[in-house]
Amino acid sequence: MSPDKWTETQKGRAAILFREYPEIDKAFSLSHSLRMIFLQRCSKEEGRKSIA
């Protein structure tokens, strides 16, 4: 789920989780970025450039 759809409780829990485990924060950020690339309507080449 996108962070902009989180409830206030979920935001608070995520803040604690990401503060205590920065690796999870990085992994979530990368997976969210990849998800956003797939949601865009673009060519394969544009998608490859976004990933790079």
N, C-alpha and C. Protein backbone atom coordinates (compact mmCIF):
# COMPACT_ATOMS: atom_id res chain seq x y z
N MET A 1 0.85 -1.17 0.00
CA MET A 1 0.00 0.00 0.00
C MET A 1 0.89 1.24 0.00
N SER A 2 0.47 2.21 -0.74
CA SER A 2 1.22 3.46 -0.82
C SER A 2 1.15 4.21 0.50
N PRO A 3 2.26 4.82 0.93
CA PRO A 3 2.26 5.54 2.20
C PRO A 3 1.22 6.66 2.28
N ASP A 4 0.83 7.22 1.16
CA ASP A 4 -0.18 8.28 1.21
C ASP A 4 -1.57 7.74 1.54
N LYS A 5 -1.73 6.42 1.55
CA LYS A 5 -3.01 5.80 1.91
C LYS A 5 -3.00 5.23 3.33
N TRP A 6 -1.87 5.38 4.03
CA TRP A 6 -1.77 4.86 5.39
C TRP A 6 -2.60 5.68 6.35
N THR A 7 -3.11 5.03 7.38
CA THR A 7 -3.78 5.74 8.46
C THR A 7 -2.71 6.37 9.36
N GLU A 8 -3.14 7.23 10.26
CA GLU A 8 -2.19 7.85 11.18
C GLU A 8 -1.49 6.80 12.04
N THR A 9 -2.22 5.77 12.44
CA THR A 9 -1.62 4.69 13.23
C THR A 9 -0.56 3.96 12.42
N GLN A 10 -0.86 3.67 11.17
CA GLN A 10 0.11 2.99 10.32
C GLN A 10 1.34 3.86 10.09
N LYS A 11 1.15 5.15 9.93
CA LYS A 11 2.28 6.06 9.75
C LYS A 11 3.18 6.05 10.98
N GLY A 12 2.57 6.05 12.16
CA GLY A 12 3.34 6.01 13.39
C GLY A 12 4.12 4.72 13.54
N ARG A 13 3.48 3.61 13.24
CA ARG A 13 4.15 2.31 13.32
C ARG A 13 5.29 2.22 12.32
N ALA A 14 5.06 2.73 11.11
CA ALA A 14 6.11 2.70 10.08
C ALA A 14 7.29 3.55 10.51
N ALA A 15 7.03 4.70 11.12
CA ALA A 15 8.11 5.58 11.57
C ALA A 15 8.99 4.86 12.59
N ILE A 16 8.37 4.16 13.52
CA ILE A 16 9.12 3.40 14.52
C ILE A 16 9.91 2.27 13.86
N LEU A 17 9.24 1.52 12.99
CA LEU A 17 9.88 0.40 12.31
C LEU A 17 11.07 0.87 11.49
N PHE A 18 10.88 1.92 10.69
CA PHE A 18 11.95 2.41 9.83
C PHE A 18 13.09 3.03 10.63
N ARG A 19 12.78 3.62 11.78
CA ARG A 19 13.84 4.20 12.62
C ARG A 19 14.69 3.07 13.23
N GLU A 20 14.02 2.00 13.67
CA GLU A 20 14.74 0.90 14.31
C GLU A 20 15.44 -0.02 13.31
N TYR A 21 14.89 -0.11 12.10
CA TYR A 21 15.42 -1.01 11.08
C TYR A 21 15.57 -0.26 9.75
N PRO A 22 16.64 0.50 9.59
CA PRO A 22 16.81 1.29 8.37
C PRO A 22 16.88 0.45 7.08
N GLU A 23 17.27 -0.81 7.21
CA GLU A 23 17.31 -1.68 6.03
C GLU A 23 15.90 -1.91 5.49
N ILE A 24 14.94 -2.04 6.39
CA ILE A 24 13.55 -2.22 5.97
C ILE A 24 13.04 -0.96 5.29
N ASP A 25 13.44 0.19 5.80
CA ASP A 25 13.07 1.46 5.18
C ASP A 25 13.59 1.53 3.75
N LYS A 26 14.85 1.14 3.56
CA LYS A 26 15.44 1.18 2.22
C LYS A 26 14.74 0.19 1.30
N ALA A 27 14.47 -1.01 1.78
CA ALA A 27 13.80 -2.03 0.97
C ALA A 27 12.40 -1.58 0.59
N PHE A 28 11.67 -0.99 1.54
CA PHE A 28 10.33 -0.50 1.24
C PHE A 28 10.39 0.60 0.19
N SER A 29 11.33 1.50 0.34
CA SER A 29 11.47 2.61 -0.60
C SER A 29 11.76 2.10 -2.01
N LEU A 30 12.67 1.13 -2.12
CA LEU A 30 12.99 0.57 -3.43
C LEU A 30 11.80 -0.15 -4.05
N SER A 31 11.10 -0.94 -3.26
CA SER A 31 9.95 -1.67 -3.80
C SER A 31 8.83 -0.72 -4.19
N HIS A 32 8.65 0.34 -3.41
CA HIS A 32 7.63 1.34 -3.75
C HIS A 32 7.98 2.06 -5.04
N SER A 33 9.26 2.39 -5.22
CA SER A 33 9.70 3.04 -6.44
C SER A 33 9.47 2.15 -7.66
N LEU A 34 9.77 0.87 -7.52
CA LEU A 34 9.55 -0.07 -8.61
C LEU A 34 8.06 -0.19 -8.93
N ARG A 35 7.24 -0.23 -7.89
CA ARG A 35 5.79 -0.29 -8.09
C ARG A 35 5.29 0.93 -8.86
N MET A 36 5.83 2.10 -8.55
CA MET A 36 5.42 3.32 -9.24
C MET A 36 5.82 3.30 -10.72
N ILE A 37 6.98 2.68 -11.02
CA ILE A 37 7.40 2.56 -12.41
C ILE A 37 6.40 1.71 -13.19
N PHE A 38 5.95 0.60 -12.59
CA PHE A 38 5.01 -0.28 -13.27
C PHE A 38 3.63 0.34 -13.42
N LEU A 39 3.28 1.27 -12.56
CA LEU A 39 1.98 1.93 -12.66
C LEU A 39 1.94 2.99 -13.75
N GLN A 40 3.10 3.47 -14.16
CA GLN A 40 3.16 4.47 -15.23
C GLN A 40 2.89 3.81 -16.57
N ARG A 41 2.31 4.58 -17.44
CA ARG A 41 2.13 4.08 -18.80
C ARG A 41 3.30 4.61 -19.62
N CYS A 42 4.27 3.73 -19.84
CA CYS A 42 5.45 4.12 -20.60
C CYS A 42 5.95 2.92 -21.39
N SER A 43 6.87 3.18 -22.28
CA SER A 43 7.45 2.10 -23.09
C SER A 43 8.42 1.29 -22.23
N LYS A 44 8.80 0.15 -22.77
CA LYS A 44 9.78 -0.68 -22.06
C LYS A 44 11.09 0.07 -21.87
N GLU A 45 11.49 0.80 -22.90
CA GLU A 45 12.75 1.55 -22.82
C GLU A 45 12.70 2.61 -21.73
N GLU A 46 11.59 3.33 -21.64
CA GLU A 46 11.45 4.35 -20.60
C GLU A 46 11.45 3.69 -19.22
N GLY A 47 10.83 2.53 -19.10
CA GLY A 47 10.84 1.79 -17.84
C GLY A 47 12.24 1.37 -17.45
N ARG A 48 13.00 0.89 -18.42
CA ARG A 48 14.39 0.49 -18.14
C ARG A 48 15.22 1.67 -17.66
N LYS A 49 15.01 2.83 -18.28
CA LYS A 49 15.74 4.03 -17.86
C LYS A 49 15.36 4.43 -16.44
N SER A 50 14.09 4.30 -16.09
CA SER A 50 13.65 4.65 -14.74
C SER A 50 14.27 3.73 -13.70
N ILE A 51 14.37 2.46 -14.04
CA ILE A 51 14.96 1.49 -13.11
C ILE A 51 16.44 1.78 -12.91
N ALA A 52 17.10 2.11 -14.01
CA ALA A 52 18.54 2.39 -13.92
C ALA A 52 18.76 3.61 -13.06
